[in-house]
Each structure stands twice: as C-alpha cells, then as structure tokens.
Amino acid sequence: MLEGLKVAAVVEARMTSSRLPGKVIMPAAGKPLLQILIERLQRVDRIDQIIVATTVNDTDQPIVDLVNQMDGIEIHRGSENDVLDRVCSALRKFDVDICVEITGDCPLVDPDLVNEALTAFESHQPDTVYVSNSWPHEAVPAGLDIQVFKSAALYQLDSETNDPEDREHVSYGFYRPESNNRWKPVFITHPTAAEGIGLIVTLDYEEDYRLIRAIHEALSPANYGVTEIIEWIAHNPKLHQACIDVRQTASA
C-alpha cells in the first residue's frame, strides 16, 4: 500500500531547550545523542530519507554542522515556535508522502517499533491518515514515541489552524477531542513494550540524560531495543527513579 510513496523520518531538534539547553548534542559512548537517534532510524529499511528539522536561529548551527557531517541525512531550517510550519515546509521541500515524526528528545527510538508503526499505518489504509503509539494512548515508555501520517493531511491541518497548540505540537490536530474523529486516528500497542508502560527514557532533564547515557553505553554497540531497555531499567532502578523524582519536584 505504501509502494511508490516516499517515506521520510522528520526529526525535530533544537538547542534552546528551557530545561536542558543543548541536550540533543550531549554525548553518549562518544557520539552526540542526535547522531545516535539518526543512526537508529537508519536501521529502518522502510524509511527512504531522514530529515532533521531545526530552526533558523544561530544557536542551532551546531545541529546543522553535525547533520552535514553525516552522509545522506538532510537538514531543514524553519520557525522555532511554529513547528507545524517547520515540519510542513520540510515535507514539501523533500517531496515526502508519508512522515514518521520523531522528536529530538527521543534518542533511543526503537527501529523495530518504527517498522511496526509503519506496518500498522499501511494496514489501516485508506481509512486513516494518522497512526501513533503515543499520547493520548500510552503504549510505550516515554521517549519511544512514534507518529506516522500523510503529508497531505498535515498540509490541510496547517492551512486550517492558528491554534498555538496545533502550531507547537504539529500533529495534535489529528487527535484533539474537538476534531470529532474527523481523521480517524489509530493508536497501536506493541507486545514487546507492554512491560515498559510508565517508564521514562525521554530527554528533558539532566537526570534523563544520565539514564539515557547509561543505557546506551551499557547496551551499545548491539542493536538493542525496547525489550533490552526495559530489562536494563529493571536491574538499575535508581537512575530511573531520579527521572520520576525530578518531575514530581517540578510539578509540586
């Protein structure tokens, strides 16, 4: 069903995180986390192209420099705050039909889960434009989130909304309650991830970085995925508990 269509992963990344500036190029096992993310996506054979969508800000030049050192990876620069426009313009620039959306705070993305999401997207055609394993349906550890959607549908969202949440969160319009199931979103689960629901491997705080770096340095260079991540956390709970604690403190 996806034959003849161009499938691209778009990675949204910037340096100016308010909680952890420069987080996407922090190192683990001698490589920037963004490079680790990209190399994991390169293992997904159904992805035709990987595009890093960053901003036009001078502060994001290190991201551009990193991507330019990697063979076959494309860079696109756009608005910092209007992320929907940034992604849409990247998709148009590279003539993408199907987008796999990944955020830069998900450096441990599992290639097998990406393949499963693409298979699910294909199996639900032509009934939906959007498949996800993430919010509002929790199915994986936070940080292994995957969203797959049709570029044409995102262009339509882009033309219809000025809502700040839509502009910031890109694909929110596909599943926001007010859409009244217009886009027929599909939310999938992964058997291998079932034991990891509630775990945190997303990069927001210094504590997250310590956990992610430790996981990657312990499990690489093997092609590890969600199963190995869950098992590692089970045997090393203190680093993960710190990620929970910092969020509880921040929300108090």
Protein backbone atom coordinates (compact mmCIF):
# COMPACT_ATOMS: atom_id res chain seq x y z
CA MET A 1 0.00 0.00 0.00
CA LEU A 2 2.97 2.33 0.55
CA GLU A 3 4.66 1.20 -2.64
CA GLY A 4 5.63 4.17 -4.78
CA LEU A 5 5.24 6.60 -1.86
CA LYS A 6 8.20 8.37 -0.30
CA VAL A 7 8.51 7.71 3.43
CA ALA A 8 10.70 10.05 5.45
CA ALA A 9 11.51 10.42 9.12
CA VAL A 10 11.45 14.04 10.28
CA VAL A 11 13.38 14.68 13.49
CA GLU A 12 12.53 17.95 15.23
CA ALA A 13 15.59 19.23 17.09
CA ARG A 14 16.82 22.50 18.56
CA MET A 15 19.46 23.63 21.04
CA THR A 16 17.38 26.01 23.17
CA SER A 17 15.54 23.65 25.49
CA SER A 18 14.48 25.57 28.59
CA ARG A 19 15.13 22.64 30.95
CA LEU A 20 18.30 21.22 29.37
CA PRO A 21 19.92 23.51 26.78
CA GLY A 22 21.97 21.73 24.14
CA LYS A 23 20.57 18.36 25.13
CA VAL A 24 20.38 16.91 21.61
CA ILE A 25 24.14 17.04 21.14
CA MET A 26 25.13 15.83 24.60
CA PRO A 27 27.39 12.76 24.22
CA ALA A 28 26.91 9.09 24.98
CA ALA A 29 29.53 6.49 24.09
CA GLY A 30 31.45 9.19 22.22
CA LYS A 31 28.62 10.36 19.96
CA PRO A 32 26.05 13.18 20.19
CA LEU A 33 22.61 11.90 21.15
CA LEU A 34 21.13 13.29 17.92
CA GLN A 35 23.59 11.21 15.92
CA ILE A 36 22.62 8.14 17.95
CA LEU A 37 18.95 8.82 17.19
CA ILE A 38 19.66 9.19 13.47
CA GLU A 39 21.76 6.04 13.32
CA ARG A 40 18.95 4.09 14.98
CA LEU A 41 16.49 5.40 12.38
CA GLN A 42 18.89 4.35 9.63
CA ARG A 43 18.17 0.76 10.63
CA VAL A 44 14.55 1.16 9.50
CA ASP A 45 14.64 -0.13 5.93
CA ARG A 46 11.20 1.25 5.09
CA ILE A 47 12.35 4.84 5.63
CA ASP A 48 13.60 6.38 2.39
CA GLN A 49 15.03 9.57 3.87
CA ILE A 50 15.87 11.14 7.22
CA ILE A 51 15.40 14.89 7.64
CA VAL A 52 16.42 16.92 10.67
CA ALA A 53 14.12 19.91 11.05
CA THR A 54 15.78 22.59 13.14
CA THR A 55 15.36 26.35 13.38
CA VAL A 56 16.83 29.34 11.59
CA ASN A 57 18.38 30.54 14.87
CA ASP A 58 22.16 30.90 15.02
CA THR A 59 22.08 28.83 18.20
CA ASP A 60 21.12 25.78 16.13
CA GLN A 61 24.18 25.90 13.89
CA PRO A 62 25.79 23.01 15.85
CA ILE A 63 22.89 20.82 14.77
CA VAL A 64 23.38 21.85 11.14
CA ASP A 65 27.11 21.17 11.38
CA LEU A 66 26.50 17.71 12.85
CA VAL A 67 23.97 16.73 10.21
CA ASN A 68 26.22 17.98 7.41
CA GLN A 69 28.88 15.54 8.61
CA MET A 70 26.52 12.58 8.21
CA ASP A 71 26.18 11.06 4.75
CA GLY A 72 22.69 11.04 3.29
CA ILE A 73 20.96 12.98 6.07
CA GLU A 74 19.09 16.14 5.10
CA ILE A 75 18.72 19.35 7.08
CA HIS A 76 15.87 21.84 7.00
CA ARG A 77 15.63 25.11 8.91
CA GLY A 78 12.39 26.86 9.84
CA SER A 79 10.48 28.60 12.58
CA GLU A 80 11.41 27.90 16.19
CA ASN A 81 7.89 28.28 17.60
CA ASP A 82 5.72 27.34 14.62
CA VAL A 83 6.85 23.72 14.50
CA LEU A 84 3.88 22.73 12.35
CA ASP A 85 5.07 25.08 9.62
CA ARG A 86 8.65 23.88 10.06
CA VAL A 87 7.67 20.25 9.52
CA CYS A 88 5.30 21.02 6.65
CA SER A 89 7.96 23.04 4.84
CA ALA A 90 10.46 20.19 5.32
CA LEU A 91 8.00 17.68 3.88
CA ARG A 92 7.29 19.92 0.90
CA LYS A 93 10.96 20.66 0.31
CA PHE A 94 11.82 16.96 0.03
CA ASP A 95 8.55 15.85 -1.61
CA VAL A 96 7.60 13.44 1.19
CA ASP A 97 4.35 11.44 1.03
CA ILE A 98 4.41 9.71 4.43
CA CYS A 99 6.03 11.25 7.51
CA VAL A 100 7.44 9.40 10.51
CA GLU A 101 7.60 12.13 13.14
CA ILE A 102 10.25 11.78 15.85
CA THR A 103 11.27 14.46 18.33
CA GLY A 104 14.87 15.11 19.26
CA ASP A 105 14.22 14.16 22.87
CA CYS A 106 13.74 10.50 21.83
CA PRO A 107 17.35 9.39 21.16
CA LEU A 108 16.68 5.72 21.98
CA VAL A 109 13.90 5.30 19.42
CA ASP A 110 13.44 1.59 18.62
CA PRO A 111 13.73 0.78 14.89
CA ASP A 112 11.52 -2.30 15.31
CA LEU A 113 8.74 -0.19 16.80
CA VAL A 114 9.03 2.22 13.88
CA ASN A 115 8.63 -0.68 11.47
CA GLU A 116 5.60 -1.89 13.43
CA ALA A 117 4.05 1.58 13.27
CA LEU A 118 4.58 1.73 9.51
CA THR A 119 3.05 -1.72 9.10
CA ALA A 120 0.04 -0.63 11.15
CA PHE A 121 -0.30 2.54 9.10
CA GLU A 122 -0.25 0.50 5.91
CA SER A 123 -2.80 -2.00 7.19
CA HIS A 124 -5.24 0.78 8.11
CA GLN A 125 -5.25 2.38 4.68
CA PRO A 126 -7.26 4.08 3.32
CA ASP A 127 -9.29 4.58 6.50
CA THR A 128 -6.88 6.79 8.47
CA VAL A 129 -4.23 9.43 7.88
CA TYR A 130 -2.60 9.02 11.30
CA VAL A 131 -1.16 6.19 13.40
CA SER A 132 0.57 6.61 16.76
CA ASN A 133 1.80 4.65 19.77
CA SER A 134 1.88 7.73 21.98
CA TRP A 135 -0.32 10.38 23.53
CA PRO A 136 -3.19 10.25 24.26
CA HIS A 137 -2.83 6.45 24.24
CA GLU A 138 0.10 5.34 26.39
CA ALA A 139 1.65 2.21 24.84
CA VAL A 140 5.43 2.59 25.16
CA PRO A 141 7.99 4.06 27.56
CA ALA A 142 8.00 7.83 27.19
CA GLY A 143 10.75 8.55 24.69
CA LEU A 144 9.92 5.74 22.27
CA ASP A 145 7.04 7.69 20.73
CA ILE A 146 6.29 7.32 17.03
CA GLN A 147 3.74 9.10 14.86
CA VAL A 148 3.08 8.26 11.21
CA PHE A 149 0.86 10.39 8.99
CA LYS A 150 0.18 11.51 5.47
CA SER A 151 1.93 14.71 4.47
CA ALA A 152 -1.13 15.88 2.53
CA ALA A 153 -3.25 15.65 5.68
CA LEU A 154 -0.71 17.69 7.65
CA TYR A 155 -0.75 20.35 4.93
CA GLN A 156 -4.51 20.52 5.38
CA LEU A 157 -4.13 20.94 9.13
CA ASP A 158 -1.55 23.64 8.53
CA SER A 159 -3.94 25.58 6.31
CA GLU A 160 -6.84 25.36 8.76
CA THR A 161 -5.41 26.21 12.19
CA ASN A 162 -3.85 29.10 14.02
CA ASP A 163 -4.25 27.45 17.40
CA PRO A 164 -0.93 27.78 19.29
CA GLU A 165 -1.13 24.15 20.47
CA ASP A 166 -1.51 22.92 16.89
CA ARG A 167 1.38 25.11 15.73
CA GLU A 168 3.65 23.84 18.53
CA HIS A 169 2.69 20.17 18.66
CA VAL A 170 2.47 19.52 14.89
CA SER A 171 0.10 16.54 14.67
CA TYR A 172 -2.10 17.39 17.65
CA GLY A 173 -4.91 18.34 15.31
CA PHE A 174 -5.26 14.72 14.17
CA TYR A 175 -6.41 13.54 17.59
CA ARG A 176 -7.52 16.61 19.54
CA PRO A 177 -11.01 15.99 21.05
CA GLU A 178 -12.54 18.84 19.08
CA SER A 179 -11.76 17.08 15.79
CA ASN A 180 -14.66 14.69 16.46
CA ASN A 181 -12.74 11.77 14.96
CA ARG A 182 -12.52 13.55 11.62
CA TRP A 183 -9.12 11.98 10.87
CA LYS A 184 -9.94 8.54 12.33
CA PRO A 185 -6.67 8.29 14.26
CA VAL A 186 -5.40 4.81 15.10
CA PHE A 187 -3.49 4.15 18.32
CA ILE A 188 -1.40 0.99 18.39
CA THR A 189 0.30 -1.13 21.02
CA HIS A 190 3.47 -3.21 20.86
CA PRO A 191 3.67 -6.58 22.66
CA THR A 192 7.39 -6.06 23.34
CA ALA A 193 6.71 -2.73 25.05
CA ALA A 194 3.85 -3.80 27.32
CA GLU A 195 6.03 -4.12 30.43
CA GLY A 196 7.54 -0.70 29.87
CA ILE A 197 4.44 1.47 30.05
CA GLY A 198 5.11 4.19 32.60
CA LEU A 199 8.88 4.15 32.15
CA ILE A 200 10.73 7.32 31.13
CA VAL A 201 13.51 7.43 28.55
CA THR A 202 12.75 10.84 27.12
CA LEU A 203 15.31 13.64 27.33
CA ASP A 204 14.01 16.62 29.31
CA TYR A 205 16.16 16.87 32.45
CA GLU A 206 19.75 16.26 33.49
CA GLU A 207 18.54 13.11 35.27
CA ASP A 208 17.13 11.83 31.97
CA TYR A 209 20.46 12.39 30.30
CA ARG A 210 22.26 10.36 32.95
CA LEU A 211 19.80 7.49 32.46
CA ILE A 212 19.86 7.57 28.65
CA ARG A 213 23.65 7.81 28.54
CA ALA A 214 23.98 4.88 30.95
CA ILE A 215 21.54 2.73 28.95
CA HIS A 216 23.23 3.42 25.65
CA GLU A 217 26.74 2.96 26.97
CA ALA A 218 25.74 -0.34 28.61
CA LEU A 219 23.83 -1.79 25.66
CA SER A 220 25.65 -0.48 22.56
CA PRO A 221 27.06 -1.31 20.08
CA ALA A 222 24.49 -4.15 19.97
CA ASN A 223 21.22 -3.36 18.19
CA TYR A 224 19.20 -3.05 21.36
CA GLY A 225 15.53 -2.08 21.53
CA VAL A 226 12.63 -1.66 23.93
CA THR A 227 12.98 -5.14 25.46
CA GLU A 228 16.60 -4.57 26.42
CA ILE A 229 15.83 -1.05 27.67
CA ILE A 230 13.07 -2.33 29.95
CA GLU A 231 15.29 -5.10 31.30
CA TRP A 232 18.19 -2.70 31.94
CA ILE A 233 15.97 -0.29 33.90
CA ALA A 234 14.59 -3.18 35.94
CA HIS A 235 18.13 -4.04 37.01
CA ASN A 236 19.16 -0.40 37.51
CA PRO A 237 16.13 1.30 39.09
CA LYS A 238 17.86 4.17 40.88
CA LEU A 239 18.71 6.16 37.76
CA HIS A 240 15.14 5.78 36.51
CA GLN A 241 13.68 6.75 39.87
CA ALA A 242 15.64 10.00 39.69
CA CYS A 243 13.79 10.81 36.45
CA ILE A 244 10.47 10.28 38.21
CA ASP A 245 11.52 12.32 41.22
CA VAL A 246 12.63 15.37 39.23
CA ARG A 247 9.25 15.52 37.52
CA GLN A 248 7.41 15.29 40.80
CA THR A 249 9.53 18.11 42.18
CA ALA A 250 8.96 20.24 39.07
CA SER A 251 5.18 19.79 39.25
CA ALA A 252 4.91 20.39 43.00
